C-alpha atoms as a PDB file:
ATOM      1  CA  MET A   1      14.710 -29.399 -12.037  1.00  0.00           C
ATOM      2  CA  THR A   2      12.613 -27.562 -14.595  1.00  0.00           C
ATOM      3  CA  MET A   3      13.043 -23.951 -15.564  1.00  0.00           C
ATOM      4  CA  PHE A   4       9.584 -23.197 -14.134  1.00  0.00           C
ATOM      5  CA  SER A   5      10.352 -24.536 -10.656  1.00  0.00           C
ATOM      6  CA  SER A   6      13.765 -22.872 -10.439  1.00  0.00           C
ATOM      7  CA  ASN A   7      12.219 -19.491 -11.292  1.00  0.00           C
ATOM      8  CA  ARG A   8       9.844 -19.640  -8.324  1.00  0.00           C
ATOM      9  CA  SER A   9      12.594 -18.507  -5.980  1.00  0.00           C
ATOM     10  CA  GLY A  10      13.544 -15.541  -8.173  1.00  0.00           C
ATOM     11  CA  GLU A  11      11.861 -12.262  -8.963  1.00  0.00           C
ATOM     12  CA  ALA A  12       8.213 -12.485  -9.975  1.00  0.00           C
ATOM     13  CA  LYS A  13       6.746 -10.359 -12.742  1.00  0.00           C
ATOM     14  CA  LEU A  14       3.289  -9.081 -11.841  1.00  0.00           C
ATOM     15  CA  ARG A  15       0.488  -7.072 -13.360  1.00  0.00           C
ATOM     16  CA  TYR A  16      -0.927  -4.896 -10.581  1.00  0.00           C
ATOM     17  CA  LEU A  17      -4.706  -4.635 -10.452  1.00  0.00           C
ATOM     18  CA  ASP A  18      -7.143  -2.904  -8.104  1.00  0.00           C
ATOM     19  CA  GLY A  19      -6.870  -4.901  -4.870  1.00  0.00           C
ATOM     20  CA  ASP A  20      -5.071  -7.842  -6.475  1.00  0.00           C
ATOM     21  CA  TYR A  21      -2.328  -8.761  -8.899  1.00  0.00           C
ATOM     22  CA  GLN A  22      -1.826 -11.213 -11.723  1.00  0.00           C
ATOM     23  CA  VAL A  23       1.334 -13.322 -11.873  1.00  0.00           C
ATOM     24  CA  LEU A  24       2.901 -13.009 -15.311  1.00  0.00           C
ATOM     25  CA  GLU A  25       6.112 -14.833 -14.387  1.00  0.00           C
ATOM     26  CA  PRO A  26       6.320 -16.887 -11.182  1.00  0.00           C
ATOM     27  CA  GLY A  27       8.751 -15.971  -8.448  1.00  0.00           C
ATOM     28  CA  SER A  28       8.902 -15.439  -4.708  1.00  0.00           C
ATOM     29  CA  TYR A  29       9.456 -11.670  -4.553  1.00  0.00           C
ATOM     30  CA  VAL A  30       9.226  -8.335  -6.356  1.00  0.00           C
ATOM     31  CA  ILE A  31      11.462  -5.277  -6.057  1.00  0.00           C
ATOM     32  CA  CYS A  32      10.298  -2.019  -4.461  1.00  0.00           C
ATOM     33  CA  ALA A  33      10.299   0.688  -7.137  1.00  0.00           C
ATOM     34  CA  VAL A  34      11.640   3.279  -4.685  1.00  0.00           C
ATOM     35  CA  THR A  35      13.992   1.505  -2.276  1.00  0.00           C
ATOM     36  CA  ALA A  36      15.018  -1.499  -4.434  1.00  0.00           C
ATOM     37  CA  GLU A  37      14.280  -3.786  -1.463  1.00  0.00           C
ATOM     38  CA  LYS A  38      12.992  -7.291  -2.072  1.00  0.00           C
ATOM     39  CA  ILE A  39       9.342  -7.762  -1.101  1.00  0.00           C
ATOM     40  CA  GLU A  40       8.212 -11.345  -0.576  1.00  0.00           C
ATOM     41  CA  LEU A  41       4.900 -11.905  -2.372  1.00  0.00           C
ATOM     42  CA  ASP A  42       3.287 -12.934   0.922  1.00  0.00           C
ATOM     43  CA  ASP A  43       4.218  -9.493   2.297  1.00  0.00           C
ATOM     44  CA  LEU A  44       3.209  -7.425  -0.751  1.00  0.00           C
ATOM     45  CA  ARG A  45       0.498  -4.954   0.284  1.00  0.00           C
ATOM     46  CA  TYR A  46       1.282  -1.699  -1.551  1.00  0.00           C
ATOM     47  CA  TRP A  47       1.463  -1.003  -5.275  1.00  0.00           C
ATOM     48  CA  SER A  48       0.353   1.434  -7.939  1.00  0.00           C
ATOM     49  CA  VAL A  49      -1.955   0.242 -10.674  1.00  0.00           C
ATOM     50  CA  ALA A  50      -1.263   3.394 -12.723  1.00  0.00           C
ATOM     51  CA  ARG A  51       2.534   3.087 -12.509  1.00  0.00           C
ATOM     52  CA  GLN A  52       2.655  -0.724 -12.203  1.00  0.00           C
ATOM     53  CA  GLU A  53       5.102  -0.452  -9.299  1.00  0.00           C
ATOM     54  CA  ALA A  54       5.397  -2.257  -5.966  1.00  0.00           C
ATOM     55  CA  TYR A  55       6.302  -0.548  -2.672  1.00  0.00           C
ATOM     56  CA  VAL A  56       7.819  -1.962   0.486  1.00  0.00           C
ATOM     57  CA  ASN A  57       5.373  -0.171   2.833  1.00  0.00           C
ATOM     58  CA  GLY A  58       2.664   2.471   3.069  1.00  0.00           C
ATOM     59  CA  LEU A  59       5.030   5.350   3.793  1.00  0.00           C
ATOM     60  CA  VAL A  60       7.112   4.638   0.695  1.00  0.00           C
ATOM     61  CA  SER A  61       3.919   4.340  -1.356  1.00  0.00           C
ATOM     62  CA  TYR A  62       2.710   7.705  -0.041  1.00  0.00           C
ATOM     63  CA  GLN A  63       6.060   9.388  -0.734  1.00  0.00           C
ATOM     64  CA  ARG A  64       6.055   8.062  -4.312  1.00  0.00           C
ATOM     65  CA  GLU A  65       2.502   9.347  -4.767  1.00  0.00           C
ATOM     66  CA  LEU A  66       3.566  12.816  -3.605  1.00  0.00           C
ATOM     67  CA  GLU A  67       6.572  12.729  -5.954  1.00  0.00           C
ATOM     68  CA  SER A  68       4.434  11.723  -8.904  1.00  0.00           C
ATOM     69  CA  ASN A  69       1.510  14.019  -8.261  1.00  0.00           C
ATOM     70  CA  PRO A  70       2.413  17.692  -7.685  1.00  0.00           C
ATOM     71  CA  GLU A  71      -1.217  18.511  -6.807  1.00  0.00           C
ATOM     72  CA  LEU A  72      -1.046  16.220  -3.795  1.00  0.00           C
ATOM     73  CA  ARG A  73       2.203  17.853  -2.669  1.00  0.00           C
ATOM     74  CA  GLN A  74       0.459  21.229  -2.641  1.00  0.00           C
ATOM     75  CA  ARG A  75      -2.472  19.855  -0.626  1.00  0.00           C
ATOM     76  CA  SER A  76      -0.230  18.126   1.924  1.00  0.00           C
ATOM     77  CA  LYS A  77       1.480  21.446   2.720  1.00  0.00           C
ATOM     78  CA  ASN A  78      -1.826  23.148   3.567  1.00  0.00           C
END
């Protein structure tokens, strides 16, 4: 078993792009930046290009955006 093939079942390292991502280190999952849950790469749908973070779902992504952007928090209250 090579080091490359054994790493495929571990955590992947990705570079998040607009609408896609680049695999820097192969693996089968990434970790949600907010909840610390494992996200299988096949299920990865939400991430931030600016923060280079993955999120487990849309709600968590939205909450992180509100946390990180005080202007949006103000708008969401109105």
